[in-house]
Amino acid sequence: MATEKEVLEFIIVPPYTRRAEIFAAKERMEAYLGNRFPGYSFKVARLGPVGDDDDFCVLPVMNFLGDDGRSYMCSEPKSWFVGDIAASCRSFAVSSAHYCNA
């Protein structure tokens, strides 16, 4: 069995100072990231302290279950890709007028 598999899921930890506002728009942010990066899934989580408290921390979910029921590690995502996800998190508009229209 081939054990190489690409990371498809990421956990996003918001900066401590923005936790409340990000969690108020958690579902929108997860959908926003899913639309920006099709084929990948994202979960915003309350973990901490993780990484730099002043920026978003992007954590790849690195393990998966194989057909044999054993746990395997995914190949590490490219650092530029993780950086692109973090940049998209920073550009997410929590209170966008686009979402306020009826």
PDB file of N, CA and C in Angstrom:
ATOM      1  N   MET A   1       0.848  -1.192   0.000  1.00  0.00           N
ATOM      2  CA  MET A   1       0.000   0.000   0.000  1.00  0.00           C
ATOM      3  C   MET A   1       0.886   1.246   0.000  1.00  0.00           C
ATOM      4  N   ALA A   2       0.571   2.170  -0.882  1.00  0.00           N
ATOM      5  CA  ALA A   2       1.305   3.435  -0.914  1.00  0.00           C
ATOM      6  C   ALA A   2       0.890   4.269   0.289  1.00  0.00           C
ATOM      7  N   THR A   3       1.875   4.799   0.994  1.00  0.00           N
ATOM      8  CA  THR A   3       1.557   5.582   2.189  1.00  0.00           C
ATOM      9  C   THR A   3       1.685   7.077   1.955  1.00  0.00           C
ATOM     10  N   GLU A   4       2.009   7.475   0.750  1.00  0.00           N
ATOM     11  CA  GLU A   4       2.108   8.907   0.451  1.00  0.00           C
ATOM     12  C   GLU A   4       0.727   9.442   0.102  1.00  0.00           C
ATOM     13  N   LYS A   5       0.315  10.458   0.795  1.00  0.00           N
ATOM     14  CA  LYS A   5      -0.972  11.089   0.553  1.00  0.00           C
ATOM     15  C   LYS A   5      -0.836  12.567   0.865  1.00  0.00           C
ATOM     16  N   GLU A   6      -1.473  13.400   0.081  1.00  0.00           N
ATOM     17  CA  GLU A   6      -1.416  14.847   0.279  1.00  0.00           C
ATOM     18  C   GLU A   6      -2.324  15.257   1.445  1.00  0.00           C
ATOM     19  N   VAL A   7      -1.889  16.254   2.195  1.00  0.00           N
ATOM     20  CA  VAL A   7      -2.719  16.821   3.259  1.00  0.00           C
ATOM     21  C   VAL A   7      -3.919  17.507   2.610  1.00  0.00           C
ATOM     22  N   LEU A   8      -5.121  17.174   3.090  1.00  0.00           N
ATOM     23  CA  LEU A   8      -6.337  17.763   2.540  1.00  0.00           C
ATOM     24  C   LEU A   8      -7.126  18.565   3.566  1.00  0.00           C
ATOM     25  N   GLU A   9      -6.718  18.501   4.816  1.00  0.00           N
ATOM     26  CA  GLU A   9      -7.454  19.188   5.874  1.00  0.00           C
ATOM     27  C   GLU A   9      -6.505  20.028   6.719  1.00  0.00           C
ATOM     28  N   PHE A  10      -6.971  21.225   7.068  1.00  0.00           N
ATOM     29  CA  PHE A  10      -6.157  22.144   7.857  1.00  0.00           C
ATOM     30  C   PHE A  10      -6.975  22.683   9.015  1.00  0.00           C
ATOM     31  N   ILE A  11      -6.302  22.883  10.138  1.00  0.00           N
ATOM     32  CA  ILE A  11      -6.904  23.530  11.293  1.00  0.00           C
ATOM     33  C   ILE A  11      -6.350  24.950  11.338  1.00  0.00           C
ATOM     34  N   ILE A  12      -7.244  25.907  11.483  1.00  0.00           N
ATOM     35  CA  ILE A  12      -6.863  27.323  11.523  1.00  0.00           C
ATOM     36  C   ILE A  12      -7.059  27.836  12.946  1.00  0.00           C
ATOM     37  N   VAL A  13      -5.992  28.381  13.511  1.00  0.00           N
ATOM     38  CA  VAL A  13      -6.064  28.977  14.849  1.00  0.00           C
ATOM     39  C   VAL A  13      -5.904  30.485  14.681  1.00  0.00           C
ATOM     40  N   PRO A  14      -6.951  31.257  15.008  1.00  0.00           N
ATOM     41  CA  PRO A  14      -6.866  32.708  14.851  1.00  0.00           C
ATOM     42  C   PRO A  14      -5.968  33.344  15.906  1.00  0.00           C
ATOM     43  N   PRO A  15      -5.479  34.549  15.605  1.00  0.00           N
ATOM     44  CA  PRO A  15      -4.701  35.274  16.615  1.00  0.00           C
ATOM     45  C   PRO A  15      -5.562  35.514  17.857  1.00  0.00           C
ATOM     46  N   TYR A  16      -4.937  35.500  19.002  1.00  0.00           N
ATOM     47  CA  TYR A  16      -5.667  35.629  20.261  1.00  0.00           C
ATOM     48  C   TYR A  16      -6.547  36.882  20.288  1.00  0.00           C
ATOM     49  N   THR A  17      -6.032  37.988  19.800  1.00  0.00           N
ATOM     50  CA  THR A  17      -6.779  39.255  19.862  1.00  0.00           C
ATOM     51  C   THR A  17      -7.996  39.269  18.933  1.00  0.00           C
ATOM     52  N   ARG A  18      -8.060  38.364  17.962  1.00  0.00           N
ATOM     53  CA  ARG A  18      -9.174  38.338  17.009  1.00  0.00           C
ATOM     54  C   ARG A  18     -10.088  37.129  17.189  1.00  0.00           C
ATOM     55  N   ARG A  19      -9.852  36.338  18.229  1.00  0.00           N
ATOM     56  CA  ARG A  19     -10.628  35.107  18.412  1.00  0.00           C
ATOM     57  C   ARG A  19     -12.131  35.331  18.417  1.00  0.00           C
ATOM     58  N   ALA A  20     -12.602  36.292  19.192  1.00  0.00           N
ATOM     59  CA  ALA A  20     -14.047  36.520  19.329  1.00  0.00           C
ATOM     60  C   ALA A  20     -14.677  36.851  17.978  1.00  0.00           C
ATOM     61  N   GLU A  21     -14.073  37.777  17.242  1.00  0.00           N
ATOM     62  CA  GLU A  21     -14.665  38.170  15.960  1.00  0.00           C
ATOM     63  C   GLU A  21     -14.579  37.052  14.920  1.00  0.00           C
ATOM     64  N   ILE A  22     -13.491  36.282  14.930  1.00  0.00           N
ATOM     65  CA  ILE A  22     -13.356  35.177  13.978  1.00  0.00           C
ATOM     66  C   ILE A  22     -14.369  34.084  14.303  1.00  0.00           C
ATOM     67  N   PHE A  23     -14.547  33.761  15.584  1.00  0.00           N
ATOM     68  CA  PHE A  23     -15.504  32.723  15.943  1.00  0.00           C
ATOM     69  C   PHE A  23     -16.938  33.142  15.691  1.00  0.00           C
ATOM     70  N   ALA A  24     -17.226  34.432  15.688  1.00  0.00           N
ATOM     71  CA  ALA A  24     -18.559  34.907  15.333  1.00  0.00           C
ATOM     72  C   ALA A  24     -18.850  34.654  13.852  1.00  0.00           C
ATOM     73  N   ALA A  25     -17.805  34.543  13.050  1.00  0.00           N
ATOM     74  CA  ALA A  25     -17.949  34.305  11.603  1.00  0.00           C
ATOM     75  C   ALA A  25     -17.277  32.995  11.186  1.00  0.00           C
ATOM     76  N   LYS A  26     -17.183  32.050  12.113  1.00  0.00           N
ATOM     77  CA  LYS A  26     -16.456  30.796  11.907  1.00  0.00           C
ATOM     78  C   LYS A  26     -16.890  30.043  10.644  1.00  0.00           C
ATOM     79  N   GLU A  27     -18.191  29.830  10.473  1.00  0.00           N
ATOM     80  CA  GLU A  27     -18.691  29.069   9.321  1.00  0.00           C
ATOM     81  C   GLU A  27     -18.395  29.793   8.008  1.00  0.00           C
ATOM     82  N   ARG A  28     -18.545  31.116   8.021  1.00  0.00           N
ATOM     83  CA  ARG A  28     -18.236  31.886   6.811  1.00  0.00           C
ATOM     84  C   ARG A  28     -16.767  31.792   6.463  1.00  0.00           C
ATOM     85  N   MET A  29     -15.906  31.849   7.466  1.00  0.00           N
ATOM     86  CA  MET A  29     -14.470  31.774   7.206  1.00  0.00           C
ATOM     87  C   MET A  29     -14.095  30.402   6.655  1.00  0.00           C
ATOM     88  N   GLU A  30     -14.652  29.339   7.221  1.00  0.00           N
ATOM     89  CA  GLU A  30     -14.375  27.992   6.722  1.00  0.00           C
ATOM     90  C   GLU A  30     -14.839  27.842   5.279  1.00  0.00           C
ATOM     91  N   ALA A  31     -16.009  28.385   4.964  1.00  0.00           N
ATOM     92  CA  ALA A  31     -16.516  28.331   3.588  1.00  0.00           C
ATOM     93  C   ALA A  31     -15.653  29.175   2.648  1.00  0.00           C
ATOM     94  N   TYR A  32     -15.243  30.339   3.119  1.00  0.00           N
ATOM     95  CA  TYR A  32     -14.378  31.229   2.336  1.00  0.00           C
ATOM     96  C   TYR A  32     -13.079  30.516   1.953  1.00  0.00           C
ATOM     97  N   LEU A  33     -12.451  29.881   2.928  1.00  0.00           N
ATOM     98  CA  LEU A  33     -11.200  29.172   2.649  1.00  0.00           C
ATOM     99  C   LEU A  33     -11.436  27.979   1.730  1.00  0.00           C
ATOM    100  N   GLY A  34     -12.545  27.266   1.938  1.00  0.00           N
ATOM    101  CA  GLY A  34     -12.886  26.140   1.062  1.00  0.00           C
ATOM    102  C   GLY A  34     -13.091  26.569  -0.381  1.00  0.00           C
ATOM    103  N   ASN A  35     -13.649  27.768  -0.574  1.00  0.00           N
ATOM    104  CA  ASN A  35     -13.834  28.304  -1.933  1.00  0.00           C
ATOM    105  C   ASN A  35     -12.513  28.776  -2.536  1.00  0.00           C
ATOM    106  N   ARG A  36     -11.634  29.311  -1.708  1.00  0.00           N
ATOM    107  CA  ARG A  36     -10.326  29.780  -2.185  1.00  0.00           C
ATOM    108  C   ARG A  36      -9.406  28.623  -2.541  1.00  0.00           C
ATOM    109  N   PHE A  37      -9.582  27.496  -1.833  1.00  0.00           N
ATOM    110  CA  PHE A  37      -8.725  26.324  -2.031  1.00  0.00           C
ATOM    111  C   PHE A  37      -9.604  25.089  -2.223  1.00  0.00           C
ATOM    112  N   PRO A  38     -10.190  24.926  -3.420  1.00  0.00           N
ATOM    113  CA  PRO A  38     -11.081  23.789  -3.670  1.00  0.00           C
ATOM    114  C   PRO A  38     -10.347  22.453  -3.454  1.00  0.00           C
ATOM    115  N   GLY A  39     -11.067  21.508  -2.884  1.00  0.00           N
ATOM    116  CA  GLY A  39     -10.496  20.200  -2.628  1.00  0.00           C
ATOM    117  C   GLY A  39      -9.890  20.056  -1.240  1.00  0.00           C
ATOM    118  N   TYR A  40      -9.829  21.164  -0.502  1.00  0.00           N
ATOM    119  CA  TYR A  40      -9.275  21.153   0.848  1.00  0.00           C
ATOM    120  C   TYR A  40     -10.374  21.552   1.820  1.00  0.00           C
ATOM    121  N   SER A  41     -10.264  21.093   3.075  1.00  0.00           N
ATOM    122  CA  SER A  41     -11.232  21.495   4.087  1.00  0.00           C
ATOM    123  C   SER A  41     -10.511  22.194   5.235  1.00  0.00           C
ATOM    124  N   PHE A  42     -11.268  23.047   5.918  1.00  0.00           N
ATOM    125  CA  PHE A  42     -10.701  23.891   6.964  1.00  0.00           C
ATOM    126  C   PHE A  42     -11.625  23.909   8.173  1.00  0.00           C
ATOM    127  N   LYS A  43     -11.026  23.871   9.350  1.00  0.00           N
ATOM    128  CA  LYS A  43     -11.749  23.988  10.607  1.00  0.00           C
ATOM    129  C   LYS A  43     -11.074  25.055  11.447  1.00  0.00           C
ATOM    130  N   VAL A  44     -11.846  26.032  11.884  1.00  0.00           N
ATOM    131  CA  VAL A  44     -11.336  27.064  12.785  1.00  0.00           C
ATOM    132  C   VAL A  44     -11.455  26.504  14.200  1.00  0.00           C
ATOM    133  N   ALA A  45     -10.361  26.549  14.959  1.00  0.00           N
ATOM    134  CA  ALA A  45     -10.341  25.921  16.281  1.00  0.00           C
ATOM    135  C   ALA A  45      -9.829  26.867  17.353  1.00  0.00           C
ATOM    136  N   ARG A  46     -10.275  26.619  18.563  1.00  0.00           N
ATOM    137  CA  ARG A  46      -9.806  27.354  19.751  1.00  0.00           C
ATOM    138  C   ARG A  46      -8.685  26.555  20.396  1.00  0.00           C
ATOM    139  N   LEU A  47      -7.509  26.714  19.879  1.00  0.00           N
ATOM    140  CA  LEU A  47      -6.330  26.096  20.462  1.00  0.00           C
ATOM    141  C   LEU A  47      -5.419  27.216  20.921  1.00  0.00           C
ATOM    142  N   GLY A  48      -4.612  26.956  21.874  1.00  0.00           N
ATOM    143  CA  GLY A  48      -3.684  27.999  22.243  1.00  0.00           C
ATOM    144  C   GLY A  48      -2.931  27.666  23.503  1.00  0.00           C
ATOM    145  N   PRO A  49      -1.845  28.299  23.685  1.00  0.00           N
ATOM    146  CA  PRO A  49      -1.194  29.141  22.674  1.00  0.00           C
ATOM    147  C   PRO A  49      -0.525  28.279  21.605  1.00  0.00           C
ATOM    148  N   VAL A  50      -0.702  28.677  20.363  1.00  0.00           N
ATOM    149  CA  VAL A  50      -0.119  27.964  19.233  1.00  0.00           C
ATOM    150  C   VAL A  50       0.537  28.988  18.321  1.00  0.00           C
ATOM    151  N   GLY A  51       1.767  28.738  17.952  1.00  0.00           N
ATOM    152  CA  GLY A  51       2.449  29.618  17.012  1.00  0.00           C
ATOM    153  C   GLY A  51       2.580  31.035  17.531  1.00  0.00           C
ATOM    154  N   ASP A  52       2.415  31.974  16.623  1.00  0.00           N
ATOM    155  CA  ASP A  52       2.523  33.398  16.910  1.00  0.00           C
ATOM    156  C   ASP A  52       1.137  33.915  17.284  1.00  0.00           C
ATOM    157  N   ASP A  53       0.972  34.403  18.498  1.00  0.00           N
ATOM    158  CA  ASP A  53      -0.338  34.896  18.943  1.00  0.00           C
ATOM    159  C   ASP A  53      -0.833  36.083  18.130  1.00  0.00           C
ATOM    160  N   ASP A  54       0.035  36.691  17.322  1.00  0.00           N
ATOM    161  CA  ASP A  54      -0.348  37.867  16.551  1.00  0.00           C
ATOM    162  C   ASP A  54      -0.764  37.536  15.126  1.00  0.00           C
ATOM    163  N   ASP A  55      -0.713  36.281  14.726  1.00  0.00           N
ATOM    164  CA  ASP A  55      -1.045  35.895  13.355  1.00  0.00           C
ATOM    165  C   ASP A  55      -1.803  34.578  13.361  1.00  0.00           C
ATOM    166  N   PHE A  56      -2.421  34.256  12.238  1.00  0.00           N
ATOM    167  CA  PHE A  56      -3.114  32.988  12.089  1.00  0.00           C
ATOM    168  C   PHE A  56      -2.095  31.858  12.049  1.00  0.00           C
ATOM    169  N   CYS A  57      -2.432  30.763  12.692  1.00  0.00           N
ATOM    170  CA  CYS A  57      -1.582  29.568  12.659  1.00  0.00           C
ATOM    171  C   CYS A  57      -2.322  28.523  11.821  1.00  0.00           C
ATOM    172  N   VAL A  58      -1.663  27.996  10.817  1.00  0.00           N
ATOM    173  CA  VAL A  58      -2.240  27.000   9.915  1.00  0.00           C
ATOM    174  C   VAL A  58      -1.595  25.658  10.243  1.00  0.00           C
ATOM    175  N   LEU A  59      -2.413  24.727  10.727  1.00  0.00           N
ATOM    176  CA  LEU A  59      -1.920  23.416  11.128  1.00  0.00           C
ATOM    177  C   LEU A  59      -2.446  22.344  10.178  1.00  0.00           C
ATOM    178  N   PRO A  60      -1.578  21.696   9.421  1.00  0.00           N
ATOM    179  CA  PRO A  60      -2.039  20.620   8.541  1.00  0.00           C
ATOM    180  C   PRO A  60      -2.362  19.356   9.350  1.00  0.00           C
ATOM    181  N   VAL A  61      -3.450  18.683   8.997  1.00  0.00           N
ATOM    182  CA  VAL A  61      -3.777  17.397   9.608  1.00  0.00           C
ATOM    183  C   VAL A  61      -2.974  16.362   8.831  1.00  0.00           C
ATOM    184  N   MET A  62      -1.942  15.844   9.480  1.00  0.00           N
ATOM    185  CA  MET A  62      -0.920  15.061   8.783  1.00  0.00           C
ATOM    186  C   MET A  62      -1.155  13.551   8.782  1.00  0.00           C
ATOM    187  N   ASN A  63      -2.161  13.047   9.487  1.00  0.00           N
ATOM    188  CA  ASN A  63      -2.320  11.602   9.518  1.00  0.00           C
ATOM    189  C   ASN A  63      -3.612  11.168   8.832  1.00  0.00           C
ATOM    190  N   PHE A  64      -3.637   9.901   8.420  1.00  0.00           N
ATOM    191  CA  PHE A  64      -4.836   9.326   7.820  1.00  0.00           C
ATOM    192  C   PHE A  64      -4.836   7.827   8.092  1.00  0.00           C
ATOM    193  N   LEU A  65      -6.020   7.229   8.025  1.00  0.00           N
ATOM    194  CA  LEU A  65      -6.142   5.790   8.200  1.00  0.00           C
ATOM    195  C   LEU A  65      -6.062   5.118   6.835  1.00  0.00           C
ATOM    196  N   GLY A  66      -5.224   4.112   6.743  1.00  0.00           N
ATOM    197  CA  GLY A  66      -5.099   3.349   5.516  1.00  0.00           C
ATOM    198  C   GLY A  66      -6.188   2.296   5.426  1.00  0.00           C
ATOM    199  N   ASP A  67      -6.247   1.614   4.283  1.00  0.00           N
ATOM    200  CA  ASP A  67      -7.227   0.545   4.083  1.00  0.00           C
ATOM    201  C   ASP A  67      -7.054  -0.591   5.081  1.00  0.00           C
ATOM    202  N   ASP A  68      -5.851  -0.712   5.618  1.00  0.00           N
ATOM    203  CA  ASP A  68      -5.559  -1.766   6.587  1.00  0.00           C
ATOM    204  C   ASP A  68      -5.887  -1.358   8.024  1.00  0.00           C
ATOM    205  N   GLY A  69      -6.456  -0.143   8.204  1.00  0.00           N
ATOM    206  CA  GLY A  69      -6.835   0.330   9.530  1.00  0.00           C
ATOM    207  C   GLY A  69      -5.695   0.940  10.331  1.00  0.00           C
ATOM    208  N   ARG A  70      -4.510   0.998   9.741  1.00  0.00           N
ATOM    209  CA  ARG A  70      -3.356   1.583  10.426  1.00  0.00           C
ATOM    210  C   ARG A  70      -3.258   3.071  10.102  1.00  0.00           C
ATOM    211  N   SER A  71      -2.637   3.806  11.002  1.00  0.00           N
ATOM    212  CA  SER A  71      -2.453   5.245  10.824  1.00  0.00           C
ATOM    213  C   SER A  71      -1.161   5.514  10.056  1.00  0.00           C
ATOM    214  N   TYR A  72      -1.239   6.411   9.073  1.00  0.00           N
ATOM    215  CA  TYR A  72      -0.088   6.793   8.262  1.00  0.00           C
ATOM    216  C   TYR A  72       0.041   8.311   8.244  1.00  0.00           C
ATOM    217  N   MET A  73       1.225   8.779   7.885  1.00  0.00           N
ATOM    218  CA  MET A  73       1.484  10.217   7.795  1.00  0.00           C
ATOM    219  C   MET A  73       1.363  10.679   6.342  1.00  0.00           C
ATOM    220  N   CYS A  74       0.770  11.853   6.167  1.00  0.00           N
ATOM    221  CA  CYS A  74       0.697  12.474   4.847  1.00  0.00           C
ATOM    222  C   CYS A  74       2.043  13.119   4.521  1.00  0.00           C
ATOM    223  N   SER A  75       2.255  13.408   3.239  1.00  0.00           N
ATOM    224  CA  SER A  75       3.445  14.181   2.891  1.00  0.00           C
ATOM    225  C   SER A  75       3.227  15.622   3.342  1.00  0.00           C
ATOM    226  N   GLU A  76       4.281  16.236   3.794  1.00  0.00           N
ATOM    227  CA  GLU A  76       4.218  17.594   4.329  1.00  0.00           C
ATOM    228  C   GLU A  76       3.829  18.575   3.218  1.00  0.00           C
ATOM    229  N   PRO A  77       2.876  19.486   3.494  1.00  0.00           N
ATOM    230  CA  PRO A  77       2.509  20.475   2.482  1.00  0.00           C
ATOM    231  C   PRO A  77       3.648  21.458   2.244  1.00  0.00           C
ATOM    232  N   LYS A  78       3.689  22.025   1.067  1.00  0.00           N
ATOM    233  CA  LYS A  78       4.711  23.021   0.727  1.00  0.00           C
ATOM    234  C   LYS A  78       4.517  24.261   1.599  1.00  0.00           C
ATOM    235  N   SER A  79       5.618  24.854   2.028  1.00  0.00           N
ATOM    236  CA  SER A  79       5.537  26.027   2.909  1.00  0.00           C
ATOM    237  C   SER A  79       4.855  27.204   2.215  1.00  0.00           C
ATOM    238  N   TRP A  80       5.022  27.333   0.895  1.00  0.00           N
ATOM    239  CA  TRP A  80       4.367  28.438   0.185  1.00  0.00           C
ATOM    240  C   TRP A  80       2.849  28.263   0.202  1.00  0.00           C
ATOM    241  N   PHE A  81       2.375  27.006   0.179  1.00  0.00           N
ATOM    242  CA  PHE A  81       0.937  26.753   0.205  1.00  0.00           C
ATOM    243  C   PHE A  81       0.360  27.111   1.576  1.00  0.00           C
ATOM    244  N   VAL A  82       1.038  26.715   2.624  1.00  0.00           N
ATOM    245  CA  VAL A  82       0.605  27.070   3.983  1.00  0.00           C
ATOM    246  C   VAL A  82       0.625  28.594   4.136  1.00  0.00           C
ATOM    247  N   GLY A  83       1.623  29.250   3.555  1.00  0.00           N
ATOM    248  CA  GLY A  83       1.698  30.717   3.580  1.00  0.00           C
ATOM    249  C   GLY A  83       0.540  31.360   2.842  1.00  0.00           C
ATOM    250  N   ASP A  84       0.134  30.767   1.709  1.00  0.00           N
ATOM    251  CA  ASP A  84      -1.024  31.279   0.961  1.00  0.00           C
ATOM    252  C   ASP A  84      -2.308  31.162   1.782  1.00  0.00           C
ATOM    253  N   ILE A  85      -2.448  30.066   2.513  1.00  0.00           N
ATOM    254  CA  ILE A  85      -3.627  29.892   3.369  1.00  0.00           C
ATOM    255  C   ILE A  85      -3.632  30.953   4.471  1.00  0.00           C
ATOM    256  N   ALA A  86      -2.487  31.173   5.109  1.00  0.00           N
ATOM    257  CA  ALA A  86      -2.397  32.185   6.165  1.00  0.00           C
ATOM    258  C   ALA A  86      -2.710  33.575   5.616  1.00  0.00           C
ATOM    259  N   ALA A  87      -2.216  33.885   4.416  1.00  0.00           N
ATOM    260  CA  ALA A  87      -2.494  35.186   3.790  1.00  0.00           C
ATOM    261  C   ALA A  87      -3.988  35.333   3.509  1.00  0.00           C
ATOM    262  N   SER A  88      -4.638  34.260   3.080  1.00  0.00           N
ATOM    263  CA  SER A  88      -6.083  34.304   2.844  1.00  0.00           C
ATOM    264  C   SER A  88      -6.844  34.509   4.146  1.00  0.00           C
ATOM    265  N   CYS A  89      -6.366  33.908   5.218  1.00  0.00           N
ATOM    266  CA  CYS A  89      -6.989  34.119   6.532  1.00  0.00           C
ATOM    267  C   CYS A  89      -6.911  35.594   6.924  1.00  0.00           C
ATOM    268  N   ARG A  90      -5.744  36.192   6.705  1.00  0.00           N
ATOM    269  CA  ARG A  90      -5.567  37.605   7.051  1.00  0.00           C
ATOM    270  C   ARG A  90      -6.461  38.504   6.207  1.00  0.00           C
ATOM    271  N   SER A  91      -6.748  38.108   4.968  1.00  0.00           N
ATOM    272  CA  SER A  91      -7.564  38.960   4.086  1.00  0.00           C
ATOM    273  C   SER A  91      -9.066  38.723   4.253  1.00  0.00           C
ATOM    274  N   PHE A  92      -9.456  37.753   5.065  1.00  0.00           N
ATOM    275  CA  PHE A  92     -10.871  37.469   5.300  1.00  0.00           C
ATOM    276  C   PHE A  92     -11.543  38.659   5.978  1.00  0.00           C
ATOM    277  N   ALA A  93     -12.633  39.130   5.390  1.00  0.00           N
ATOM    278  CA  ALA A  93     -13.383  40.264   5.945  1.00  0.00           C
ATOM    279  C   ALA A  93     -14.478  39.724   6.861  1.00  0.00           C
ATOM    280  N   VAL A  94     -14.324  39.919   8.164  1.00  0.00           N
ATOM    281  CA  VAL A  94     -15.275  39.403   9.140  1.00  0.00           C
ATOM    282  C   VAL A  94     -16.640  40.027   8.949  1.00  0.00           C
ATOM    283  N   SER A  95     -16.687  41.326   8.729  1.00  0.00           N
ATOM    284  CA  SER A  95     -17.976  42.002   8.558  1.00  0.00           C
ATOM    285  C   SER A  95     -18.057  42.595   7.164  1.00  0.00           C
ATOM    286  N   SER A  96     -18.290  41.731   6.211  1.00  0.00           N
ATOM    287  CA  SER A  96     -18.358  42.150   4.818  1.00  0.00           C
ATOM    288  C   SER A  96     -19.783  42.558   4.460  1.00  0.00           C
ATOM    289  N   ALA A  97     -19.922  43.655   3.780  1.00  0.00           N
ATOM    290  CA  ALA A  97     -21.236  44.116   3.328  1.00  0.00           C
ATOM    291  C   ALA A  97     -21.862  43.116   2.367  1.00  0.00           C
ATOM    292  N   HIS A  98     -21.027  42.348   1.683  1.00  0.00           N
ATOM    293  CA  HIS A  98     -21.510  41.337   0.739  1.00  0.00           C
ATOM    294  C   HIS A  98     -22.441  40.340   1.420  1.00  0.00           C
ATOM    295  N   TYR A  99     -22.142  39.995   2.670  1.00  0.00           N
ATOM    296  CA  TYR A  99     -22.934  39.020   3.396  1.00  0.00           C
ATOM    297  C   TYR A  99     -24.111  39.647   4.119  1.00  0.00           C
ATOM    298  N   CYS A 100     -24.182  40.975   4.152  1.00  0.00           N
ATOM    299  CA  CYS A 100     -25.266  41.645   4.859  1.00  0.00           C
ATOM    300  C   CYS A 100     -26.463  41.931   3.956  1.00  0.00           C
ATOM    301  N   ASN A 101     -26.286  41.776   2.662  1.00  0.00           N
ATOM    302  CA  ASN A 101     -27.399  42.043   1.741  1.00  0.00           C
ATOM    303  C   ASN A 101     -28.452  40.965   1.856  1.00  0.00           C
ATOM    304  N   ALA A 102     -29.722  41.397   1.811  1.00  0.00           N
ATOM    305  CA  ALA A 102     -30.836  40.438   1.902  1.00  0.00           C
ATOM    306  C   ALA A 102     -31.199  39.920   0.538  1.00  0.00           C
TER     307      ALA A 102
END
